PDB file of all heavy atoms in Angstrom:
ATOM      1  N   ILE A   1       0.866  -1.172   0.001  1.00  0.00           N
ATOM      2  CA  ILE A   1       0.000  -0.001   0.001  1.00  0.00           C
ATOM      3  C   ILE A   1       0.908   1.234   0.000  1.00  0.00           C
ATOM      4  O   ILE A   1       2.082   1.155   0.344  1.00  0.00           O
ATOM      5  CB  ILE A   1      -0.962   0.026   1.209  1.00  0.00           C
ATOM      6  CG1 ILE A   1      -0.198   0.070   2.536  1.00  0.00           C
ATOM      7  CG2 ILE A   1      -1.926  -1.161   1.169  1.00  0.00           C
ATOM      8  CD1 ILE A   1      -1.072   0.296   3.761  1.00  0.00           C
ATOM      9  N   SER A   2       0.359   2.364  -0.375  1.00  0.00           N
ATOM     10  CA  SER A   2       1.152   3.592  -0.415  1.00  0.00           C
ATOM     11  C   SER A   2       1.410   4.091   1.004  1.00  0.00           C
ATOM     12  O   SER A   2       0.704   3.735   1.956  1.00  0.00           O
ATOM     13  CB  SER A   2       0.408   4.671  -1.208  1.00  0.00           C
ATOM     14  OG  SER A   2      -0.743   5.087  -0.503  1.00  0.00           O
ATOM     15  N   LYS A   3       2.413   4.929   1.125  1.00  0.00           N
ATOM     16  CA  LYS A   3       2.700   5.539   2.428  1.00  0.00           C
ATOM     17  C   LYS A   3       1.524   6.389   2.880  1.00  0.00           C
ATOM     18  O   LYS A   3       1.186   6.410   4.062  1.00  0.00           O
ATOM     19  CB  LYS A   3       3.972   6.378   2.347  1.00  0.00           C
ATOM     20  CG  LYS A   3       5.210   5.547   2.164  1.00  0.00           C
ATOM     21  CD  LYS A   3       6.422   6.415   1.956  1.00  0.00           C
ATOM     22  CE  LYS A   3       7.606   5.548   1.572  1.00  0.00           C
ATOM     23  NZ  LYS A   3       8.744   6.349   1.149  1.00  0.00           N
ATOM     24  N   LYS A   4       0.896   7.062   1.938  1.00  0.00           N
ATOM     25  CA  LYS A   4      -0.265   7.895   2.264  1.00  0.00           C
ATOM     26  C   LYS A   4      -1.393   7.041   2.858  1.00  0.00           C
ATOM     27  O   LYS A   4      -1.986   7.403   3.865  1.00  0.00           O
ATOM     28  CB  LYS A   4      -0.753   8.623   1.015  1.00  0.00           C
ATOM     29  CG  LYS A   4      -1.932   9.525   1.278  1.00  0.00           C
ATOM     30  CD  LYS A   4      -2.340  10.254   0.019  1.00  0.00           C
ATOM     31  CE  LYS A   4      -3.540  11.129   0.275  1.00  0.00           C
ATOM     32  NZ  LYS A   4      -3.935  11.891  -0.917  1.00  0.00           N
ATOM     33  N   GLU A   5      -1.669   5.910   2.233  1.00  0.00           N
ATOM     34  CA  GLU A   5      -2.716   5.018   2.747  1.00  0.00           C
ATOM     35  C   GLU A   5      -2.331   4.475   4.121  1.00  0.00           C
ATOM     36  O   GLU A   5      -3.163   4.383   5.027  1.00  0.00           O
ATOM     37  CB  GLU A   5      -2.985   3.871   1.779  1.00  0.00           C
ATOM     38  CG  GLU A   5      -4.124   2.978   2.246  1.00  0.00           C
ATOM     39  CD  GLU A   5      -4.445   1.843   1.291  1.00  0.00           C
ATOM     40  OE1 GLU A   5      -3.985   1.866   0.131  1.00  0.00           O
ATOM     41  OE2 GLU A   5      -5.168   0.927   1.720  1.00  0.00           O
ATOM     42  N   ALA A   6      -1.070   4.125   4.289  1.00  0.00           N
ATOM     43  CA  ALA A   6      -0.602   3.621   5.579  1.00  0.00           C
ATOM     44  C   ALA A   6      -0.771   4.675   6.663  1.00  0.00           C
ATOM     45  O   ALA A   6      -1.249   4.380   7.767  1.00  0.00           O
ATOM     46  CB  ALA A   6       0.853   3.175   5.484  1.00  0.00           C
ATOM     47  N   LEU A   7      -0.398   5.915   6.352  1.00  0.00           N
ATOM     48  CA  LEU A   7      -0.551   6.994   7.334  1.00  0.00           C
ATOM     49  C   LEU A   7      -2.017   7.246   7.658  1.00  0.00           C
ATOM     50  O   LEU A   7      -2.372   7.507   8.808  1.00  0.00           O
ATOM     51  CB  LEU A   7       0.122   8.269   6.822  1.00  0.00           C
ATOM     52  CG  LEU A   7       1.637   8.235   6.810  1.00  0.00           C
ATOM     53  CD1 LEU A   7       2.196   9.467   6.102  1.00  0.00           C
ATOM     54  CD2 LEU A   7       2.192   8.141   8.225  1.00  0.00           C
ATOM     55  N   ARG A   8      -2.880   7.141   6.670  1.00  0.00           N
ATOM     56  CA  ARG A   8      -4.322   7.299   6.903  1.00  0.00           C
ATOM     57  C   ARG A   8      -4.824   6.205   7.848  1.00  0.00           C
ATOM     58  O   ARG A   8      -5.586   6.458   8.769  1.00  0.00           O
ATOM     59  CB  ARG A   8      -5.073   7.272   5.575  1.00  0.00           C
ATOM     60  CG  ARG A   8      -6.588   7.144   5.667  1.00  0.00           C
ATOM     61  CD  ARG A   8      -7.296   8.133   6.547  1.00  0.00           C
ATOM     62  NE  ARG A   8      -7.124   9.489   6.114  1.00  0.00           N
ATOM     63  CZ  ARG A   8      -7.485  10.548   6.850  1.00  0.00           C
ATOM     64  NH1 ARG A   8      -8.030  10.389   8.030  1.00  0.00           N
ATOM     65  NH2 ARG A   8      -7.298  11.755   6.410  1.00  0.00           N
ATOM     66  N   ARG A   9      -4.382   4.979   7.626  1.00  0.00           N
ATOM     67  CA  ARG A   9      -4.791   3.861   8.483  1.00  0.00           C
ATOM     68  C   ARG A   9      -4.284   4.054   9.913  1.00  0.00           C
ATOM     69  O   ARG A   9      -4.999   3.786  10.872  1.00  0.00           O
ATOM     70  CB  ARG A   9      -4.300   2.537   7.919  1.00  0.00           C
ATOM     71  CG  ARG A   9      -5.053   2.095   6.685  1.00  0.00           C
ATOM     72  CD  ARG A   9      -4.411   0.853   6.075  1.00  0.00           C
ATOM     73  NE  ARG A   9      -5.124   0.413   4.922  1.00  0.00           N
ATOM     74  CZ  ARG A   9      -6.064  -0.533   4.923  1.00  0.00           C
ATOM     75  NH1 ARG A   9      -6.388  -1.140   6.035  1.00  0.00           N
ATOM     76  NH2 ARG A   9      -6.662  -0.875   3.808  1.00  0.00           N
ATOM     77  N   VAL A  10      -3.051   4.530  10.047  1.00  0.00           N
ATOM     78  CA  VAL A  10      -2.494   4.802  11.371  1.00  0.00           C
ATOM     79  C   VAL A  10      -3.292   5.908  12.050  1.00  0.00           C
ATOM     80  O   VAL A  10      -3.669   5.795  13.224  1.00  0.00           O
ATOM     81  CB  VAL A  10      -0.993   5.167  11.283  1.00  0.00           C
ATOM     82  CG1 VAL A  10      -0.478   5.696  12.608  1.00  0.00           C
ATOM     83  CG2 VAL A  10      -0.182   3.969  10.821  1.00  0.00           C
ATOM     84  N   PHE A  11      -3.566   6.977  11.329  1.00  0.00           N
ATOM     85  CA  PHE A  11      -4.354   8.095  11.851  1.00  0.00           C
ATOM     86  C   PHE A  11      -5.707   7.600  12.362  1.00  0.00           C
ATOM     87  O   PHE A  11      -6.114   7.906  13.491  1.00  0.00           O
ATOM     88  CB  PHE A  11      -4.541   9.143  10.750  1.00  0.00           C
ATOM     89  CG  PHE A  11      -5.217  10.407  11.194  1.00  0.00           C
ATOM     90  CD1 PHE A  11      -4.465  11.513  11.545  1.00  0.00           C
ATOM     91  CD2 PHE A  11      -6.600  10.504  11.245  1.00  0.00           C
ATOM     92  CE1 PHE A  11      -5.084  12.698  11.939  1.00  0.00           C
ATOM     93  CE2 PHE A  11      -7.226  11.669  11.642  1.00  0.00           C
ATOM     94  CZ  PHE A  11      -6.474  12.769  11.996  1.00  0.00           C
ATOM     95  N   ASP A  12      -6.395   6.823  11.538  1.00  0.00           N
ATOM     96  CA  ASP A  12      -7.715   6.309  11.911  1.00  0.00           C
ATOM     97  C   ASP A  12      -7.640   5.367  13.116  1.00  0.00           C
ATOM     98  O   ASP A  12      -8.518   5.395  13.981  1.00  0.00           O
ATOM     99  CB  ASP A  12      -8.377   5.591  10.732  1.00  0.00           C
ATOM    100  CG  ASP A  12      -8.755   6.546   9.600  1.00  0.00           C
ATOM    101  OD1 ASP A  12      -8.800   7.774   9.831  1.00  0.00           O
ATOM    102  OD2 ASP A  12      -8.991   6.055   8.477  1.00  0.00           O
ATOM    103  N   ALA A  13      -6.603   4.554  13.182  1.00  0.00           N
ATOM    104  CA  ALA A  13      -6.441   3.624  14.302  1.00  0.00           C
ATOM    105  C   ALA A  13      -6.197   4.383  15.602  1.00  0.00           C
ATOM    106  O   ALA A  13      -6.755   4.028  16.657  1.00  0.00           O
ATOM    107  CB  ALA A  13      -5.294   2.656  14.035  1.00  0.00           C
ATOM    108  N   ILE A  14      -5.383   5.430  15.542  1.00  0.00           N
ATOM    109  CA  ILE A  14      -5.129   6.240  16.735  1.00  0.00           C
ATOM    110  C   ILE A  14      -6.427   6.873  17.217  1.00  0.00           C
ATOM    111  O   ILE A  14      -6.749   6.858  18.405  1.00  0.00           O
ATOM    112  CB  ILE A  14      -4.064   7.322  16.445  1.00  0.00           C
ATOM    113  CG1 ILE A  14      -2.708   6.682  16.159  1.00  0.00           C
ATOM    114  CG2 ILE A  14      -3.958   8.304  17.619  1.00  0.00           C
ATOM    115  CD1 ILE A  14      -1.668   7.652  15.609  1.00  0.00           C
ATOM    116  N   GLU A  15      -7.177   7.407  16.272  1.00  0.00           N
ATOM    117  CA  GLU A  15      -8.456   8.041  16.597  1.00  0.00           C
ATOM    118  C   GLU A  15      -9.441   7.036  17.191  1.00  0.00           C
ATOM    119  O   GLU A  15     -10.109   7.321  18.190  1.00  0.00           O
ATOM    120  CB  GLU A  15      -9.035   8.685  15.341  1.00  0.00           C
ATOM    121  CG  GLU A  15     -10.102   9.700  15.603  1.00  0.00           C
ATOM    122  CD  GLU A  15     -10.410  10.487  14.347  1.00  0.00           C
ATOM    123  OE1 GLU A  15     -10.647   9.884  13.274  1.00  0.00           O
ATOM    124  OE2 GLU A  15     -10.413  11.715  14.457  1.00  0.00           O
ATOM    125  N   SER A  16      -9.504   5.842  16.612  1.00  0.00           N
ATOM    126  CA  SER A  16     -10.437   4.824  17.116  1.00  0.00           C
ATOM    127  C   SER A  16     -10.049   4.328  18.507  1.00  0.00           C
ATOM    128  O   SER A  16     -10.898   3.853  19.256  1.00  0.00           O
ATOM    129  CB  SER A  16     -10.542   3.648  16.146  1.00  0.00           C
ATOM    130  OG  SER A  16      -9.393   2.844  16.192  1.00  0.00           O
ATOM    131  N   ALA A  17      -8.765   4.480  18.858  1.00  0.00           N
ATOM    132  CA  ALA A  17      -8.301   4.094  20.189  1.00  0.00           C
ATOM    133  C   ALA A  17      -8.582   5.189  21.215  1.00  0.00           C
ATOM    134  O   ALA A  17      -8.305   5.014  22.406  1.00  0.00           O
ATOM    135  CB  ALA A  17      -6.813   3.770  20.160  1.00  0.00           C
ATOM    136  N   GLY A  18      -9.122   6.323  20.751  1.00  0.00           N
ATOM    137  CA  GLY A  18      -9.498   7.387  21.665  1.00  0.00           C
ATOM    138  C   GLY A  18      -8.429   8.430  21.921  1.00  0.00           C
ATOM    139  O   GLY A  18      -8.539   9.232  22.838  1.00  0.00           O
ATOM    140  N   TYR A  19      -7.382   8.437  21.100  1.00  0.00           N
ATOM    141  CA  TYR A  19      -6.300   9.402  21.250  1.00  0.00           C
ATOM    142  C   TYR A  19      -6.390  10.474  20.165  1.00  0.00           C
ATOM    143  O   TYR A  19      -7.058  10.293  19.160  1.00  0.00           O
ATOM    144  CB  TYR A  19      -4.938   8.713  21.152  1.00  0.00           C
ATOM    145  CG  TYR A  19      -4.697   7.688  22.223  1.00  0.00           C
ATOM    146  CD1 TYR A  19      -4.798   6.326  21.937  1.00  0.00           C
ATOM    147  CD2 TYR A  19      -4.381   8.060  23.529  1.00  0.00           C
ATOM    148  CE1 TYR A  19      -4.579   5.373  22.915  1.00  0.00           C
ATOM    149  CE2 TYR A  19      -4.162   7.117  24.514  1.00  0.00           C
ATOM    150  CZ  TYR A  19      -4.263   5.774  24.200  1.00  0.00           C
ATOM    151  OH  TYR A  19      -4.046   4.833  25.175  1.00  0.00           O
ATOM    152  N   ASP A  20      -5.681  11.563  20.363  1.00  0.00           N
ATOM    153  CA  ASP A  20      -5.596  12.641  19.389  1.00  0.00           C
ATOM    154  C   ASP A  20      -4.518  12.270  18.363  1.00  0.00           C
ATOM    155  O   ASP A  20      -3.328  12.273  18.693  1.00  0.00           O
ATOM    156  CB  ASP A  20      -5.228  13.944  20.104  1.00  0.00           C
ATOM    157  CG  ASP A  20      -5.059  15.120  19.167  1.00  0.00           C
ATOM    158  OD1 ASP A  20      -5.093  14.944  17.932  1.00  0.00           O
ATOM    159  OD2 ASP A  20      -4.884  16.241  19.676  1.00  0.00           O
ATOM    160  N   PRO A  21      -4.908  11.942  17.135  1.00  0.00           N
ATOM    161  CA  PRO A  21      -3.932  11.483  16.144  1.00  0.00           C
ATOM    162  C   PRO A  21      -2.854  12.516  15.820  1.00  0.00           C
ATOM    163  O   PRO A  21      -1.702  12.157  15.599  1.00  0.00           O
ATOM    164  CB  PRO A  21      -4.761  11.164  14.909  1.00  0.00           C
ATOM    165  CG  PRO A  21      -6.164  11.331  15.277  1.00  0.00           C
ATOM    166  CD  PRO A  21      -6.254  11.940  16.623  1.00  0.00           C
ATOM    167  N   VAL A  22      -3.208  13.785  15.798  1.00  0.00           N
ATOM    168  CA  VAL A  22      -2.224  14.815  15.480  1.00  0.00           C
ATOM    169  C   VAL A  22      -1.157  14.857  16.573  1.00  0.00           C
ATOM    170  O   VAL A  22       0.053  14.857  16.282  1.00  0.00           O
ATOM    171  CB  VAL A  22      -2.900  16.195  15.308  1.00  0.00           C
ATOM    172  CG1 VAL A  22      -1.861  17.292  15.150  1.00  0.00           C
ATOM    173  CG2 VAL A  22      -3.847  16.182  14.125  1.00  0.00           C
ATOM    174  N   LYS A  23      -1.580  14.840  17.810  1.00  0.00           N
ATOM    175  CA  LYS A  23      -0.632  14.878  18.920  1.00  0.00           C
ATOM    176  C   LYS A  23       0.237  13.613  18.947  1.00  0.00           C
ATOM    177  O   LYS A  23       1.452  13.683  19.091  1.00  0.00           O
ATOM    178  CB  LYS A  23      -1.365  15.032  20.244  1.00  0.00           C
ATOM    179  CG  LYS A  23      -0.430  15.120  21.417  1.00  0.00           C
ATOM    180  CD  LYS A  23      -1.156  15.353  22.709  1.00  0.00           C
ATOM    181  CE  LYS A  23      -0.106  15.427  23.809  1.00  0.00           C
ATOM    182  NZ  LYS A  23      -0.616  15.509  25.105  1.00  0.00           N
ATOM    183  N   GLN A  24      -0.387  12.463  18.798  1.00  0.00           N
ATOM    184  CA  GLN A  24       0.345  11.206  18.863  1.00  0.00           C
ATOM    185  C   GLN A  24       1.358  11.086  17.723  1.00  0.00           C
ATOM    186  O   GLN A  24       2.492  10.685  17.936  1.00  0.00           O
ATOM    187  CB  GLN A  24      -0.616  10.020  18.839  1.00  0.00           C
ATOM    188  CG  GLN A  24      -1.569   9.937  20.015  1.00  0.00           C
ATOM    189  CD  GLN A  24      -0.884   9.891  21.353  1.00  0.00           C
ATOM    190  OE1 GLN A  24      -0.965  10.824  22.133  1.00  0.00           O
ATOM    191  NE2 GLN A  24      -0.195   8.815  21.634  1.00  0.00           N
ATOM    192  N   LEU A  25       0.941  11.431  16.504  1.00  0.00           N
ATOM    193  CA  LEU A  25       1.862  11.363  15.371  1.00  0.00           C
ATOM    194  C   LEU A  25       2.979  12.384  15.508  1.00  0.00           C
ATOM    195  O   LEU A  25       4.135  12.091  15.186  1.00  0.00           O
ATOM    196  CB  LEU A  25       1.108  11.568  14.050  1.00  0.00           C
ATOM    197  CG  LEU A  25       0.328  10.355  13.565  1.00  0.00           C
ATOM    198  CD1 LEU A  25      -0.628  10.744  12.456  1.00  0.00           C
ATOM    199  CD2 LEU A  25       1.273   9.253  13.103  1.00  0.00           C
ATOM    200  N   SER A  26       2.664  13.572  15.999  1.00  0.00           N
ATOM    201  CA  SER A  26       3.698  14.592  16.220  1.00  0.00           C
ATOM    202  C   SER A  26       4.746  14.099  17.202  1.00  0.00           C
ATOM    203  O   SER A  26       5.952  14.235  16.967  1.00  0.00           O
ATOM    204  CB  SER A  26       3.077  15.886  16.744  1.00  0.00           C
ATOM    205  OG  SER A  26       2.194  16.419  15.806  1.00  0.00           O
ATOM    206  N   GLU A  27       4.288  13.534  18.302  1.00  0.00           N
ATOM    207  CA  GLU A  27       5.220  13.016  19.311  1.00  0.00           C
ATOM    208  C   GLU A  27       6.068  11.874  18.742  1.00  0.00           C
ATOM    209  O   GLU A  27       7.262  11.785  19.017  1.00  0.00           O
ATOM    210  CB  GLU A  27       4.475  12.555  20.559  1.00  0.00           C
ATOM    211  CG  GLU A  27       3.847  13.678  21.350  1.00  0.00           C
ATOM    212  CD  GLU A  27       4.864  14.621  21.981  1.00  0.00           C
ATOM    213  OE1 GLU A  27       6.025  14.222  22.208  1.00  0.00           O
ATOM    214  OE2 GLU A  27       4.488  15.771  22.244  1.00  0.00           O
ATOM    215  N   TYR A  28       5.447  11.015  17.938  1.00  0.00           N
ATOM    216  CA  TYR A  28       6.194   9.915  17.319  1.00  0.00           C
ATOM    217  C   TYR A  28       7.270  10.462  16.380  1.00  0.00           C
ATOM    218  O   TYR A  28       8.418  10.015  16.404  1.00  0.00           O
ATOM    219  CB  TYR A  28       5.272   8.962  16.561  1.00  0.00           C
ATOM    220  CG  TYR A  28       6.058   7.938  15.794  1.00  0.00           C
ATOM    221  CD1 TYR A  28       6.671   6.885  16.453  1.00  0.00           C
ATOM    222  CD2 TYR A  28       6.248   8.046  14.420  1.00  0.00           C
ATOM    223  CE1 TYR A  28       7.443   5.947  15.763  1.00  0.00           C
ATOM    224  CE2 TYR A  28       7.006   7.122  13.725  1.00  0.00           C
ATOM    225  CZ  TYR A  28       7.597   6.081  14.407  1.00  0.00           C
ATOM    226  OH  TYR A  28       8.366   5.179  13.720  1.00  0.00           O
ATOM    227  N   ILE A  29       6.906  11.428  15.543  1.00  0.00           N
ATOM    228  CA  ILE A  29       7.859  11.985  14.594  1.00  0.00           C
ATOM    229  C   ILE A  29       9.035  12.627  15.328  1.00  0.00           C
ATOM    230  O   ILE A  29      10.188  12.469  14.930  1.00  0.00           O
ATOM    231  CB  ILE A  29       7.175  12.994  13.654  1.00  0.00           C
ATOM    232  CG1 ILE A  29       6.216  12.254  12.706  1.00  0.00           C
ATOM    233  CG2 ILE A  29       8.200  13.795  12.855  1.00  0.00           C
ATOM    234  CD1 ILE A  29       5.278  13.153  11.944  1.00  0.00           C
ATOM    235  N   LEU A  30       8.752  13.339  16.409  1.00  0.00           N
ATOM    236  CA  LEU A  30       9.811  14.010  17.158  1.00  0.00           C
ATOM    237  C   LEU A  30      10.718  13.035  17.904  1.00  0.00           C
ATOM    238  O   LEU A  30      11.919  13.243  17.998  1.00  0.00           O
ATOM    239  CB  LEU A  30       9.216  15.014  18.146  1.00  0.00           C
ATOM    240  CG  LEU A  30       8.575  16.245  17.512  1.00  0.00           C
ATOM    241  CD1 LEU A  30       7.846  17.059  18.570  1.00  0.00           C
ATOM    242  CD2 LEU A  30       9.618  17.084  16.808  1.00  0.00           C
ATOM    243  N   SER A  31      10.131  11.977  18.437  1.00  0.00           N
ATOM    244  CA  SER A  31      10.898  11.080  19.315  1.00  0.00           C
ATOM    245  C   SER A  31      11.287   9.746  18.692  1.00  0.00           C
ATOM    246  O   SER A  31      12.204   9.093  19.158  1.00  0.00           O
ATOM    247  CB  SER A  31      10.087  10.792  20.576  1.00  0.00           C
ATOM    248  OG  SER A  31       8.973   9.973  20.262  1.00  0.00           O
ATOM    249  N   GLU A  32      10.549   9.314  17.681  1.00  0.00           N
ATOM    250  CA  GLU A  32      10.654   7.985  17.074  1.00  0.00           C
ATOM    251  C   GLU A  32      10.381   6.876  18.098  1.00  0.00           C
ATOM    252  O   GLU A  32      10.784   5.736  17.932  1.00  0.00           O
ATOM    253  CB  GLU A  32      12.000   7.772  16.383  1.00  0.00           C
ATOM    254  CG  GLU A  32      11.956   6.644  15.370  1.00  0.00           C
ATOM    255  CD  GLU A  32      13.230   6.528  14.548  1.00  0.00           C
ATOM    256  OE1 GLU A  32      14.233   7.171  14.855  1.00  0.00           O
ATOM    257  OE2 GLU A  32      13.192   5.753  13.571  1.00  0.00           O
TER     258      GLU A  32
END
């Protein structure tokens, strides 16, 4: 699958888990 599709799936999964996807992805990008 494309990276874009993968990121969309990750975003949706974070949201479905009840977390803020923007915050979670930002923290991941900064810290790995």
